[in-house]
Full PDB file with SEQRES, HELIX, SHEET, SSBOND, CRYST1, ORIGX, SCALE, CONECT and MASTER records, all heavy atoms in Angstrom:
SEQRES   1 A   45  GLY LEU PRO PRO CYS LEU ALA ALA ALA ARG ALA GLY LYS          
SEQRES   2 A   45  ARG LEU LEU LEU ALA ASN LYS GLU ALA LEU VAL VAL GLY          
SEQRES   3 A   45  GLY ALA LEU PHE MET ARG ALA VAL GLU GLU GLY GLY ALA          
SEQRES   4 A   45  THR LEU LEU PRO ILE ASP                                      
HELIX    1 AA1 LEU A    2  ARG A   10  1                                   9    
HELIX    2 AA2 GLU A   21  VAL A   24  1                                   4    
HELIX    3 AA3 ALA A   28  GLY A   37  1                                  10    
SHEET    1 AA1 2 ARG A  14  LEU A  17  0                                        
SHEET    2 AA1 2 THR A  40  PRO A  43  1                                        
CRYST1    1.000    1.000    1.000  90.00  90.00  90.00 P 1           1          
ORIGX1      1.000000  0.000000  0.000000        0.00000                         
ORIGX2      0.000000  1.000000  0.000000        0.00000                         
ORIGX3      0.000000  0.000000  1.000000        0.00000                         
SCALE1      1.000000  0.000000  0.000000        0.00000                         
SCALE2      0.000000  1.000000  0.000000        0.00000                         
SCALE3      0.000000  0.000000  1.000000        0.00000                         
ATOM      1  N   GLY A   1      10.254-113.638  11.416  1.00  0.00           N  
ATOM      2  CA  GLY A   1      10.245-112.801  12.607  1.00  0.00           C  
ATOM      3  C   GLY A   1      10.051-113.563  13.902  1.00  0.00           C  
ATOM      4  O   GLY A   1      10.272-113.010  14.991  1.00  0.00           O  
ATOM      5  N   LEU A   2       9.645-114.843  13.814  1.00  0.00           N  
ATOM      6  CA  LEU A   2       9.367-115.612  15.028  1.00  0.00           C  
ATOM      7  C   LEU A   2      10.619-115.863  15.874  1.00  0.00           C  
ATOM      8  O   LEU A   2      10.606-115.573  17.081  1.00  0.00           O  
ATOM      9  CB  LEU A   2       8.672-116.931  14.671  1.00  0.00           C  
ATOM     10  CG  LEU A   2       8.425-117.905  15.826  1.00  0.00           C  
ATOM     11  CD1 LEU A   2       7.577-117.265  16.914  1.00  0.00           C  
ATOM     12  CD2 LEU A   2       7.756-119.184  15.302  1.00  0.00           C  
ATOM     13  N   PRO A   3      11.729-116.416  15.323  1.00  0.00           N  
ATOM     14  CA  PRO A   3      12.889-116.702  16.182  1.00  0.00           C  
ATOM     15  C   PRO A   3      13.462-115.487  16.908  1.00  0.00           C  
ATOM     16  O   PRO A   3      13.718-115.567  18.119  1.00  0.00           O  
ATOM     17  CB  PRO A   3      13.893-117.336  15.208  1.00  0.00           C  
ATOM     18  CG  PRO A   3      13.047-117.939  14.131  1.00  0.00           C  
ATOM     19  CD  PRO A   3      11.917-116.972  13.956  1.00  0.00           C  
ATOM     20  N   PRO A   4      13.677-114.331  16.238  1.00  0.00           N  
ATOM     21  CA  PRO A   4      14.226-113.192  16.998  1.00  0.00           C  
ATOM     22  C   PRO A   4      13.254-112.640  18.036  1.00  0.00           C  
ATOM     23  O   PRO A   4      13.681-112.212  19.120  1.00  0.00           O  
ATOM     24  CB  PRO A   4      14.563-112.158  15.914  1.00  0.00           C  
ATOM     25  CG  PRO A   4      13.763-112.550  14.730  1.00  0.00           C  
ATOM     26  CD  PRO A   4      13.637-114.033  14.786  1.00  0.00           C  
ATOM     27  N   CYS A   5      11.951-112.661  17.748  1.00  0.00           N  
ATOM     28  CA  CYS A   5      10.980-112.190  18.748  1.00  0.00           C  
ATOM     29  C   CYS A   5      10.947-113.144  19.937  1.00  0.00           C  
ATOM     30  O   CYS A   5      10.840-112.718  21.093  1.00  0.00           O  
ATOM     31  CB  CYS A   5       9.592-112.060  18.121  1.00  0.00           C  
ATOM     32  SG  CYS A   5       9.395-110.615  17.059  1.00  0.00           S  
ATOM     33  N   LEU A   6      11.053-114.425  19.657  1.00  0.00           N  
ATOM     34  CA  LEU A   6      11.095-115.424  20.720  1.00  0.00           C  
ATOM     35  C   LEU A   6      12.344-115.233  21.574  1.00  0.00           C  
ATOM     36  O   LEU A   6      12.299-115.322  22.815  1.00  0.00           O  
ATOM     37  CB  LEU A   6      11.054-116.827  20.120  1.00  0.00           C  
ATOM     38  CG  LEU A   6      10.728-117.995  21.040  1.00  0.00           C  
ATOM     39  CD1 LEU A   6       9.356-117.833  21.666  1.00  0.00           C  
ATOM     40  CD2 LEU A   6      10.782-119.307  20.263  1.00  0.00           C  
ATOM     41  N   ALA A   7      13.465-114.933  20.921  1.00  0.00           N  
ATOM     42  CA  ALA A   7      14.718-114.699  21.647  1.00  0.00           C  
ATOM     43  C   ALA A   7      14.612-113.466  22.531  1.00  0.00           C  
ATOM     44  O   ALA A   7      15.088-113.453  23.674  1.00  0.00           O  
ATOM     45  CB  ALA A   7      15.870-114.544  20.653  1.00  0.00           C  
ATOM     46  N   ALA A   8      13.967-112.413  22.023  1.00  0.00           N  
ATOM     47  CA  ALA A   8      13.774-111.200  22.819  1.00  0.00           C  
ATOM     48  C   ALA A   8      12.897-111.478  24.034  1.00  0.00           C  
ATOM     49  O   ALA A   8      13.153-110.980  25.132  1.00  0.00           O  
ATOM     50  CB  ALA A   8      13.158-110.103  21.954  1.00  0.00           C  
ATOM     51  N   ALA A   9      11.866-112.300  23.835  1.00  0.00           N  
ATOM     52  CA  ALA A   9      10.982-112.655  24.953  1.00  0.00           C  
ATOM     53  C   ALA A   9      11.743-113.436  26.017  1.00  0.00           C  
ATOM     54  O   ALA A   9      11.634-113.155  27.216  1.00  0.00           O  
ATOM     55  CB  ALA A   9       9.797-113.467  24.438  1.00  0.00           C  
ATOM     56  N   ARG A  10      12.518-114.405  25.589  1.00  0.00           N  
ATOM     57  CA  ARG A  10      13.286-115.227  26.534  1.00  0.00           C  
ATOM     58  C   ARG A  10      14.337-114.413  27.262  1.00  0.00           C  
ATOM     59  O   ARG A  10      14.724-114.746  28.392  1.00  0.00           O  
ATOM     60  CB  ARG A  10      13.927-116.394  25.783  1.00  0.00           C  
ATOM     61  CG  ARG A  10      12.918-117.469  25.374  1.00  0.00           C  
ATOM     62  CD  ARG A  10      13.536-118.518  24.472  1.00  0.00           C  
ATOM     63  NE  ARG A  10      12.615-119.638  24.249  1.00  0.00           N  
ATOM     64  CZ  ARG A  10      12.701-120.474  23.226  1.00  0.00           C  
ATOM     65  NH1 ARG A  10      13.669-120.317  22.319  1.00  0.00           N  
ATOM     66  NH2 ARG A  10      11.831-121.464  23.104  1.00  0.00           N  
ATOM     67  N   ALA A  11      14.810-113.326  26.608  1.00  0.00           N  
ATOM     68  CA  ALA A  11      15.827-112.478  27.231  1.00  0.00           C  
ATOM     69  C   ALA A  11      15.213-111.399  28.118  1.00  0.00           C  
ATOM     70  O   ALA A  11      15.937-110.570  28.673  1.00  0.00           O  
ATOM     71  CB  ALA A  11      16.701-111.831  26.151  1.00  0.00           C  
ATOM     72  N   GLY A  12      13.891-111.407  28.250  1.00  0.00           N  
ATOM     73  CA  GLY A  12      13.234-110.481  29.163  1.00  0.00           C  
ATOM     74  C   GLY A  12      13.163-109.046  28.684  1.00  0.00           C  
ATOM     75  O   GLY A  12      13.123-108.117  29.489  1.00  0.00           O  
ATOM     76  N   LYS A  13      13.114-108.839  27.374  1.00  0.00           N  
ATOM     77  CA  LYS A  13      13.093-107.479  26.844  1.00  0.00           C  
ATOM     78  C   LYS A  13      11.706-106.852  26.938  1.00  0.00           C  
ATOM     79  O   LYS A  13      10.701-107.530  27.103  1.00  0.00           O  
ATOM     80  CB  LYS A  13      13.532-107.493  25.366  1.00  0.00           C  
ATOM     81  CG  LYS A  13      14.899-108.100  25.117  1.00  0.00           C  
ATOM     82  CD  LYS A  13      15.990-107.380  25.881  1.00  0.00           C  
ATOM     83  CE  LYS A  13      17.366-107.968  25.574  1.00  0.00           C  
ATOM     84  NZ  LYS A  13      18.415-107.366  26.430  1.00  0.00           N  
ATOM     85  N   ARG A  14      11.669-105.538  26.819  1.00  0.00           N  
ATOM     86  CA  ARG A  14      10.411-104.839  26.530  1.00  0.00           C  
ATOM     87  C   ARG A  14      10.173-105.061  25.043  1.00  0.00           C  
ATOM     88  O   ARG A  14      10.879-104.505  24.196  1.00  0.00           O  
ATOM     89  CB  ARG A  14      10.532-103.355  26.854  1.00  0.00           C  
ATOM     90  CG  ARG A  14       9.353-102.524  26.324  1.00  0.00           C  
ATOM     91  CD  ARG A  14       9.508-101.048  26.618  1.00  0.00           C  
ATOM     92  NE  ARG A  14       9.213-100.771  28.010  1.00  0.00           N  
ATOM     93  CZ  ARG A  14       8.135-100.110  28.439  1.00  0.00           C  
ATOM     94  NH1 ARG A  14       7.230 -99.690  27.587  1.00  0.00           N  
ATOM     95  NH2 ARG A  14       7.951 -99.886  29.712  1.00  0.00           N  
ATOM     96  N   LEU A  15       9.206-105.897  24.709  1.00  0.00           N  
ATOM     97  CA  LEU A  15       8.995-106.337  23.334  1.00  0.00           C  
ATOM     98  C   LEU A  15       7.733-105.703  22.774  1.00  0.00           C  
ATOM     99  O   LEU A  15       6.620-106.004  23.218  1.00  0.00           O  
ATOM    100  CB  LEU A  15       8.910-107.866  23.281  1.00  0.00           C  
ATOM    101  CG  LEU A  15       8.600-108.495  21.918  1.00  0.00           C  
ATOM    102  CD1 LEU A  15       9.615-108.057  20.862  1.00  0.00           C  
ATOM    103  CD2 LEU A  15       8.586-110.018  22.039  1.00  0.00           C  
ATOM    104  N   LEU A  16       7.912-104.824  21.798  1.00  0.00           N  
ATOM    105  CA  LEU A  16       6.803-104.207  21.094  1.00  0.00           C  
ATOM    106  C   LEU A  16       6.486-105.104  19.903  1.00  0.00           C  
ATOM    107  O   LEU A  16       7.268-105.192  18.947  1.00  0.00           O  
ATOM    108  CB  LEU A  16       7.181-102.800  20.624  1.00  0.00           C  
ATOM    109  CG  LEU A  16       7.151-101.676  21.660  1.00  0.00           C  
ATOM    110  CD1 LEU A  16       8.014-101.970  22.875  1.00  0.00           C  
ATOM    111  CD2 LEU A  16       7.555-100.353  21.027  1.00  0.00           C  
ATOM    112  N   LEU A  17       5.363-105.799  19.972  1.00  0.00           N  
ATOM    113  CA  LEU A  17       5.092-106.877  19.022  1.00  0.00           C  
ATOM    114  C   LEU A  17       4.185-106.414  17.893  1.00  0.00           C  
ATOM    115  O   LEU A  17       2.994-106.171  18.082  1.00  0.00           O  
ATOM    116  CB  LEU A  17       4.465-108.070  19.744  1.00  0.00           C  
ATOM    117  CG  LEU A  17       4.360-109.353  18.919  1.00  0.00           C  
ATOM    118  CD1 LEU A  17       5.756-109.859  18.531  1.00  0.00           C  
ATOM    119  CD2 LEU A  17       3.606-110.427  19.686  1.00  0.00           C  
ATOM    120  N   ALA A  18       4.759-106.292  16.692  1.00  0.00           N  
ATOM    121  CA  ALA A  18       3.989-106.027  15.481  1.00  0.00           C  
ATOM    122  C   ALA A  18       3.982-107.249  14.572  1.00  0.00           C  
ATOM    123  O   ALA A  18       3.166-107.325  13.653  1.00  0.00           O  
ATOM    124  CB  ALA A  18       4.570-104.819  14.744  1.00  0.00           C  
ATOM    125  N   ASN A  19       4.895-108.178  14.800  1.00  0.00           N  
ATOM    126  CA  ASN A  19       4.978-109.403  13.999  1.00  0.00           C  
ATOM    127  C   ASN A  19       3.858-110.362  14.398  1.00  0.00           C  
ATOM    128  O   ASN A  19       3.783-110.818  15.537  1.00  0.00           O  
ATOM    129  CB  ASN A  19       6.346-110.059  14.214  1.00  0.00           C  
ATOM    130  CG  ASN A  19       6.424-111.448  13.609  1.00  0.00           C  
ATOM    131  OD1 ASN A  19       6.145-112.432  14.282  1.00  0.00           O  
ATOM    132  ND2 ASN A  19       6.783-111.537  12.345  1.00  0.00           N  
ATOM    133  N   LYS A  20       2.958-110.659  13.469  1.00  0.00           N  
ATOM    134  CA  LYS A  20       1.800-111.508  13.770  1.00  0.00           C  
ATOM    135  C   LYS A  20       2.201-112.956  14.020  1.00  0.00           C  
ATOM    136  O   LYS A  20       1.571-113.661  14.811  1.00  0.00           O  
ATOM    137  CB  LYS A  20       0.804-111.454  12.614  1.00  0.00           C  
ATOM    138  CG  LYS A  20       0.136-110.109  12.421  1.00  0.00           C  
ATOM    139  CD  LYS A  20      -0.883-110.166  11.294  1.00  0.00           C  
ATOM    140  CE  LYS A  20      -1.527-108.816  11.072  1.00  0.00           C  
ATOM    141  NZ  LYS A  20      -2.291-108.350  12.229  1.00  0.00           N  
ATOM    142  N   GLU A  21       3.256-113.403  13.343  1.00  0.00           N  
ATOM    143  CA  GLU A  21       3.598-114.823  13.389  1.00  0.00           C  
ATOM    144  C   GLU A  21       3.991-115.292  14.788  1.00  0.00           C  
ATOM    145  O   GLU A  21       3.811-116.459  15.123  1.00  0.00           O  
ATOM    146  CB  GLU A  21       4.726-115.122  12.397  1.00  0.00           C  
ATOM    147  CG  GLU A  21       4.289-115.199  10.951  1.00  0.00           C  
ATOM    148  CD  GLU A  21       3.875-113.835  10.398  1.00  0.00           C  
ATOM    149  OE1 GLU A  21       4.320-112.791  10.937  1.00  0.00           O  
ATOM    150  OE2 GLU A  21       3.092-113.811   9.435  1.00  0.00           O  
ATOM    151  N   ALA A  22       4.531-114.383  15.594  1.00  0.00           N  
ATOM    152  CA  ALA A  22       4.930-114.780  16.942  1.00  0.00           C  
ATOM    153  C   ALA A  22       3.775-115.441  17.682  1.00  0.00           C  
ATOM    154  O   ALA A  22       3.955-116.449  18.382  1.00  0.00           O  
ATOM    155  CB  ALA A  22       5.436-113.564  17.713  1.00  0.00           C  
ATOM    156  N   LEU A  23       2.569-114.903  17.508  1.00  0.00           N  
ATOM    157  CA  LEU A  23       1.401-115.442  18.203  1.00  0.00           C  
ATOM    158  C   LEU A  23       0.556-116.343  17.310  1.00  0.00           C  
ATOM    159  O   LEU A  23       0.020-117.348  17.772  1.00  0.00           O  
ATOM    160  CB  LEU A  23       0.549-114.298  18.749  1.00  0.00           C  
ATOM    161  CG  LEU A  23       1.205-113.508  19.875  1.00  0.00           C  
ATOM    162  CD1 LEU A  23       0.421-112.247  20.190  1.00  0.00           C  
ATOM    163  CD2 LEU A  23       1.335-114.370  21.131  1.00  0.00           C  
ATOM    164  N   VAL A  24       0.411-115.998  16.045  1.00  0.00           N  
ATOM    165  CA  VAL A  24      -0.397-116.830  15.145  1.00  0.00           C  
ATOM    166  C   VAL A  24       0.283-118.180  14.922  1.00  0.00           C  
ATOM    167  O   VAL A  24      -0.369-119.222  14.905  1.00  0.00           O  
ATOM    168  CB  VAL A  24      -0.624-116.110  13.803  1.00  0.00           C  
ATOM    169  CG1 VAL A  24      -1.329-117.024  12.807  1.00  0.00           C  
ATOM    170  CG2 VAL A  24      -1.438-114.836  14.009  1.00  0.00           C  
ATOM    171  N   VAL A  25       1.590-118.172  14.772  1.00  0.00           N  
ATOM    172  CA  VAL A  25       2.349-119.409  14.587  1.00  0.00           C  
ATOM    173  C   VAL A  25       2.780-119.975  15.935  1.00  0.00           C  
ATOM    174  O   VAL A  25       2.613-121.163  16.203  1.00  0.00           O  
ATOM    175  CB  VAL A  25       3.589-119.171  13.693  1.00  0.00           C  
ATOM    176  CG1 VAL A  25       4.424-120.434  13.582  1.00  0.00           C  
ATOM    177  CG2 VAL A  25       3.157-118.695  12.311  1.00  0.00           C  
ATOM    178  N   GLY A  26       3.334-119.105  16.800  1.00  0.00           N  
ATOM    179  CA  GLY A  26       3.935-119.573  18.044  1.00  0.00           C  
ATOM    180  C   GLY A  26       2.955-119.845  19.167  1.00  0.00           C  
ATOM    181  O   GLY A  26       3.144-120.773  19.951  1.00  0.00           O  
ATOM    182  N   GLY A  27       1.913-119.006  19.285  1.00  0.00           N  
ATOM    183  CA  GLY A  27       0.868-119.213  20.271  1.00  0.00           C  
ATOM    184  C   GLY A  27       1.368-119.509  21.672  1.00  0.00           C  
ATOM    185  O   GLY A  27       2.027-118.694  22.315  1.00  0.00           O  
ATOM    186  N   ALA A  28       1.041-120.700  22.143  1.00  0.00           N  
ATOM    187  CA  ALA A  28       1.357-121.101  23.521  1.00  0.00           C  
ATOM    188  C   ALA A  28       2.857-121.080  23.779  1.00  0.00           C  
ATOM    189  O   ALA A  28       3.310-120.680  24.858  1.00  0.00           O  
ATOM    190  CB  ALA A  28       0.792-122.487  23.802  1.00  0.00           C  
ATOM    191  N   LEU A  29       3.649-121.510  22.793  1.00  0.00           N  
ATOM    192  CA  LEU A  29       5.103-121.534  22.951  1.00  0.00           C  
ATOM    193  C   LEU A  29       5.636-120.131  23.194  1.00  0.00           C  
ATOM    194  O   LEU A  29       6.476-119.903  24.080  1.00  0.00           O  
ATOM    195  CB  LEU A  29       5.755-122.132  21.701  1.00  0.00           C  
ATOM    196  CG  LEU A  29       7.283-122.197  21.696  1.00  0.00           C  
ATOM    197  CD1 LEU A  29       7.781-123.243  22.673  1.00  0.00           C  
ATOM    198  CD2 LEU A  29       7.800-122.489  20.278  1.00  0.00           C  
ATOM    199  N   PHE A  30       5.134-119.167  22.445  1.00  0.00           N  
ATOM    200  CA  PHE A  30       5.609-117.792  22.579  1.00  0.00           C  
ATOM    201  C   PHE A  30       5.207-117.195  23.924  1.00  0.00           C  
ATOM    202  O   PHE A  30       6.023-116.557  24.601  1.00  0.00           O  
ATOM    203  CB  PHE A  30       5.079-116.934  21.435  1.00  0.00           C  
ATOM    204  CG  PHE A  30       5.634-115.548  21.435  1.00  0.00           C  
ATOM    205  CD1 PHE A  30       6.882-115.291  20.901  1.00  0.00           C  
ATOM    206  CD2 PHE A  30       4.916-114.492  21.987  1.00  0.00           C  
ATOM    207  CE1 PHE A  30       7.410-114.007  20.911  1.00  0.00           C  
ATOM    208  CE2 PHE A  30       5.432-113.214  22.007  1.00  0.00           C  
ATOM    209  CZ  PHE A  30       6.685-112.968  21.462  1.00  0.00           C  
ATOM    210  N   MET A  31       3.960-117.393  24.323  1.00  0.00           N  
ATOM    211  CA  MET A  31       3.508-116.823  25.590  1.00  0.00           C  
ATOM    212  C   MET A  31       4.232-117.449  26.780  1.00  0.00           C  
ATOM    213  O   MET A  31       4.488-116.780  27.788  1.00  0.00           O  
ATOM    214  CB  MET A  31       2.002-116.990  25.739  1.00  0.00           C  
ATOM    215  CG  MET A  31       1.192-116.174  24.727  1.00  0.00           C  
ATOM    216  SD  MET A  31       1.625-114.408  24.698  1.00  0.00           S  
ATOM    217  CE  MET A  31       1.122-113.898  26.345  1.00  0.00           C  
ATOM    218  N   ARG A  32       4.604-118.709  26.649  1.00  0.00           N  
ATOM    219  CA  ARG A  32       5.387-119.363  27.703  1.00  0.00           C  
ATOM    220  C   ARG A  32       6.769-118.710  27.797  1.00  0.00           C  
ATOM    221  O   ARG A  32       7.299-118.501  28.894  1.00  0.00           O  
ATOM    222  CB  ARG A  32       5.499-120.858  27.416  1.00  0.00           C  
ATOM    223  CG  ARG A  32       6.088-121.655  28.571  1.00  0.00           C  
ATOM    224  CD  ARG A  32       5.768-123.131  28.444  1.00  0.00           C  
ATOM    225  NE  ARG A  32       6.243-123.733  27.201  1.00  0.00           N  
ATOM    226  CZ  ARG A  32       5.445-124.191  26.232  1.00  0.00           C  
ATOM    227  NH1 ARG A  32       4.123-124.095  26.358  1.00  0.00           N  
ATOM    228  NH2 ARG A  32       5.941-124.713  25.138  1.00  0.00           N  
ATOM    229  N   ALA A  33       7.358-118.374  26.646  1.00  0.00           N  
ATOM    230  CA  ALA A  33       8.670-117.719  26.639  1.00  0.00           C  
ATOM    231  C   ALA A  33       8.587-116.332  27.277  1.00  0.00           C  
ATOM    232  O   ALA A  33       9.491-115.915  28.001  1.00  0.00           O  
ATOM    233  CB  ALA A  33       9.190-117.612  25.207  1.00  0.00           C  
ATOM    234  N   VAL A  34       7.502-115.613  27.014  1.00  0.00           N  
ATOM    235  CA  VAL A  34       7.304-114.289  27.621  1.00  0.00           C  
ATOM    236  C   VAL A  34       7.252-114.408  29.136  1.00  0.00           C  
ATOM    237  O   VAL A  34       7.903-113.651  29.865  1.00  0.00           O  
ATOM    238  CB  VAL A  34       6.008-113.642  27.084  1.00  0.00           C  
ATOM    239  CG1 VAL A  34       5.659-112.392  27.895  1.00  0.00           C  
ATOM    240  CG2 VAL A  34       6.159-113.287  25.610  1.00  0.00           C  
ATOM    241  N   GLU A  35       6.489-115.386  29.615  1.00  0.00           N  
ATOM    242  CA  GLU A  35       6.342-115.563  31.063  1.00  0.00           C  
ATOM    243  C   GLU A  35       7.650-116.004  31.708  1.00  0.00           C  
ATOM    244  O   GLU A  35       8.076-115.445  32.727  1.00  0.00           O  
ATOM    245  CB  GLU A  35       5.249-116.594  31.348  1.00  0.00           C  
ATOM    246  CG  GLU A  35       4.991-116.797  32.835  1.00  0.00           C  
ATOM    247  CD  GLU A  35       3.857-117.763  33.114  1.00  0.00           C  
ATOM    248  OE1 GLU A  35       3.264-118.282  32.152  1.00  0.00           O  
ATOM    249  OE2 GLU A  35       3.565-118.012  34.300  1.00  0.00           O  
ATOM    250  N   GLU A  36       8.293-116.988  31.109  1.00  0.00           N  
ATOM    251  CA  GLU A  36       9.521-117.518  31.704  1.00  0.00           C  
ATOM    252  C   GLU A  36      10.665-116.515  31.630  1.00  0.00           C  
ATOM    253  O   GLU A  36      11.516-116.471  32.525  1.00  0.00           O  
ATOM    254  CB  GLU A  36       9.903-118.829  31.004  1.00  0.00           C  
ATOM    255  CG  GLU A  36       8.911-119.964  31.271  1.00  0.00           C  
ATOM    256  CD  GLU A  36       9.218-121.220  30.462  1.00  0.00           C  
ATOM    257  OE1 GLU A  36      10.144-121.163  29.605  1.00  0.00           O  
ATOM    258  OE2 GLU A  36       8.540-122.241  30.669  1.00  0.00           O  
ATOM    259  N   GLY A  37      10.704-115.707  30.572  1.00  0.00           N  
ATOM    260  CA  GLY A  37      11.779-114.726  30.424  1.00  0.00           C  
ATOM    261  C   GLY A  37      11.530-113.442  31.196  1.00  0.00           C  
ATOM    262  O   GLY A  37      12.435-112.615  31.318  1.00  0.00           O  
ATOM    263  N   GLY A  38      10.304-113.255  31.668  1.00  0.00           N  
ATOM    264  CA  GLY A  38       9.986-112.016  32.370  1.00  0.00           C  
ATOM    265  C   GLY A  38       9.910-110.818  31.450  1.00  0.00           C  
ATOM    266  O   GLY A  38      10.153-109.680  31.871  1.00  0.00           O  
ATOM    267  N   ALA A  39       9.564-111.052  30.182  1.00  0.00           N  
ATOM    268  CA  ALA A  39       9.492-109.960  29.213  1.00  0.00           C  
ATOM    269  C   ALA A  39       8.247-109.112  29.454  1.00  0.00           C  
ATOM    270  O   ALA A  39       7.259-109.570  30.026  1.00  0.00           O  
ATOM    271  CB  ALA A  39       9.479-110.517  27.791  1.00  0.00           C  
ATOM    272  N   THR A  40       8.303-107.868  28.994  1.00  0.00           N  
ATOM    273  CA  THR A  40       7.141-106.984  28.980  1.00  0.00           C  
ATOM    274  C   THR A  40       6.622-106.962  27.549  1.00  0.00           C  
ATOM    275  O   THR A  40       7.264-106.420  26.649  1.00  0.00           O  
ATOM    276  CB  THR A  40       7.519-105.562  29.423  1.00  0.00           C  
ATOM    277  OG1 THR A  40       8.047-105.608  30.747  1.00  0.00           O  
ATOM    278  CG2 THR A  40       6.307-104.648  29.407  1.00  0.00           C  
ATOM    279  N   LEU A  41       5.468-107.590  27.317  1.00  0.00           N  
ATOM    280  CA  LEU A  41       4.917-107.727  25.970  1.00  0.00           C  
ATOM    281  C   LEU A  41       3.878-106.642  25.729  1.00  0.00           C  
ATOM    282  O   LEU A  41       2.883-106.539  26.450  1.00  0.00           O  
ATOM    283  CB  LEU A  41       4.281-109.111  25.803  1.00  0.00           C  
ATOM    284  CG  LEU A  41       3.702-109.422  24.418  1.00  0.00           C  
ATOM    285  CD1 LEU A  41       4.799-109.400  23.354  1.00  0.00           C  
ATOM    286  CD2 LEU A  41       2.996-110.779  24.430  1.00  0.00           C  
ATOM    287  N   LEU A  42       4.113-105.818  24.693  1.00  0.00           N  
ATOM    288  CA  LEU A  42       3.238-104.690  24.396  1.00  0.00           C  
ATOM    289  C   LEU A  42       2.776-104.776  22.940  1.00  0.00           C  
ATOM    290  O   LEU A  42       3.605-104.754  22.023  1.00  0.00           O  
ATOM    291  CB  LEU A  42       3.990-103.375  24.639  1.00  0.00           C  
ATOM    292  CG  LEU A  42       4.453-103.209  26.097  1.00  0.00           C  
ATOM    293  CD1 LEU A  42       5.548-102.166  26.194  1.00  0.00           C  
ATOM    294  CD2 LEU A  42       3.269-102.828  26.977  1.00  0.00           C  
ATOM    295  N   PRO A  43       1.465-104.907  22.718  1.00  0.00           N  
ATOM    296  CA  PRO A  43       0.961-105.077  21.348  1.00  0.00           C  
ATOM    297  C   PRO A  43       1.008-103.777  20.559  1.00  0.00           C  
ATOM    298  O   PRO A  43       0.719-102.695  21.087  1.00  0.00           O  
ATOM    299  CB  PRO A  43      -0.483-105.539  21.561  1.00  0.00           C  
ATOM    300  CG  PRO A  43      -0.869-104.999  22.899  1.00  0.00           C  
ATOM    301  CD  PRO A  43       0.392-104.978  23.716  1.00  0.00           C  
ATOM    302  N   ILE A  44       1.346-103.879  19.268  1.00  0.00           N  
ATOM    303  CA  ILE A  44       1.470-102.705  18.414  1.00  0.00           C  
ATOM    304  C   ILE A  44       0.364-102.627  17.370  1.00  0.00           C  
ATOM    305  O   ILE A  44       0.033-101.537  16.906  1.00  0.00           O  
ATOM    306  CB  ILE A  44       2.860-102.673  17.736  1.00  0.00           C  
ATOM    307  CG1 ILE A  44       3.942-102.561  18.812  1.00  0.00           C  
ATOM    308  CG2 ILE A  44       2.987-101.522  16.744  1.00  0.00           C  
ATOM    309  CD1 ILE A  44       3.817-101.346  19.725  1.00  0.00           C  
ATOM    310  N   ASP A  45      -0.230-103.739  16.977  1.00  0.00           N  
ATOM    311  CA  ASP A  45      -1.410-103.654  16.123  1.00  0.00           C  
ATOM    312  C   ASP A  45      -2.376-102.649  16.736  1.00  0.00           C  
ATOM    313  O   ASP A  45      -2.602-102.659  17.950  1.00  0.00           O  
ATOM    314  CB  ASP A  45      -2.106-105.023  16.033  1.00  0.00           C  
ATOM    315  CG  ASP A  45      -1.726-105.783  14.772  1.00  0.00           C  
ATOM    316  OD1 ASP A  45      -0.967-105.238  13.966  1.00  0.00           O  
ATOM    317  OD2 ASP A  45      -2.200-106.925  14.608  1.00  0.00           O  
TER     318      ASP A  45                                                      
MASTER        0    0    0    3    2    0    0    6  317    1    0    4          
END                                                                             
């Protein structure tokens, strides 16, 4: 689930995040993609 969620973040989507790996695995890399892509990140847990 990490690559497609990362792609959605980079594309600036409204991203409803239920996939844990995006942050547990991706961490800083993922949050940087959210910021640079202008995505709206909304937690679902």
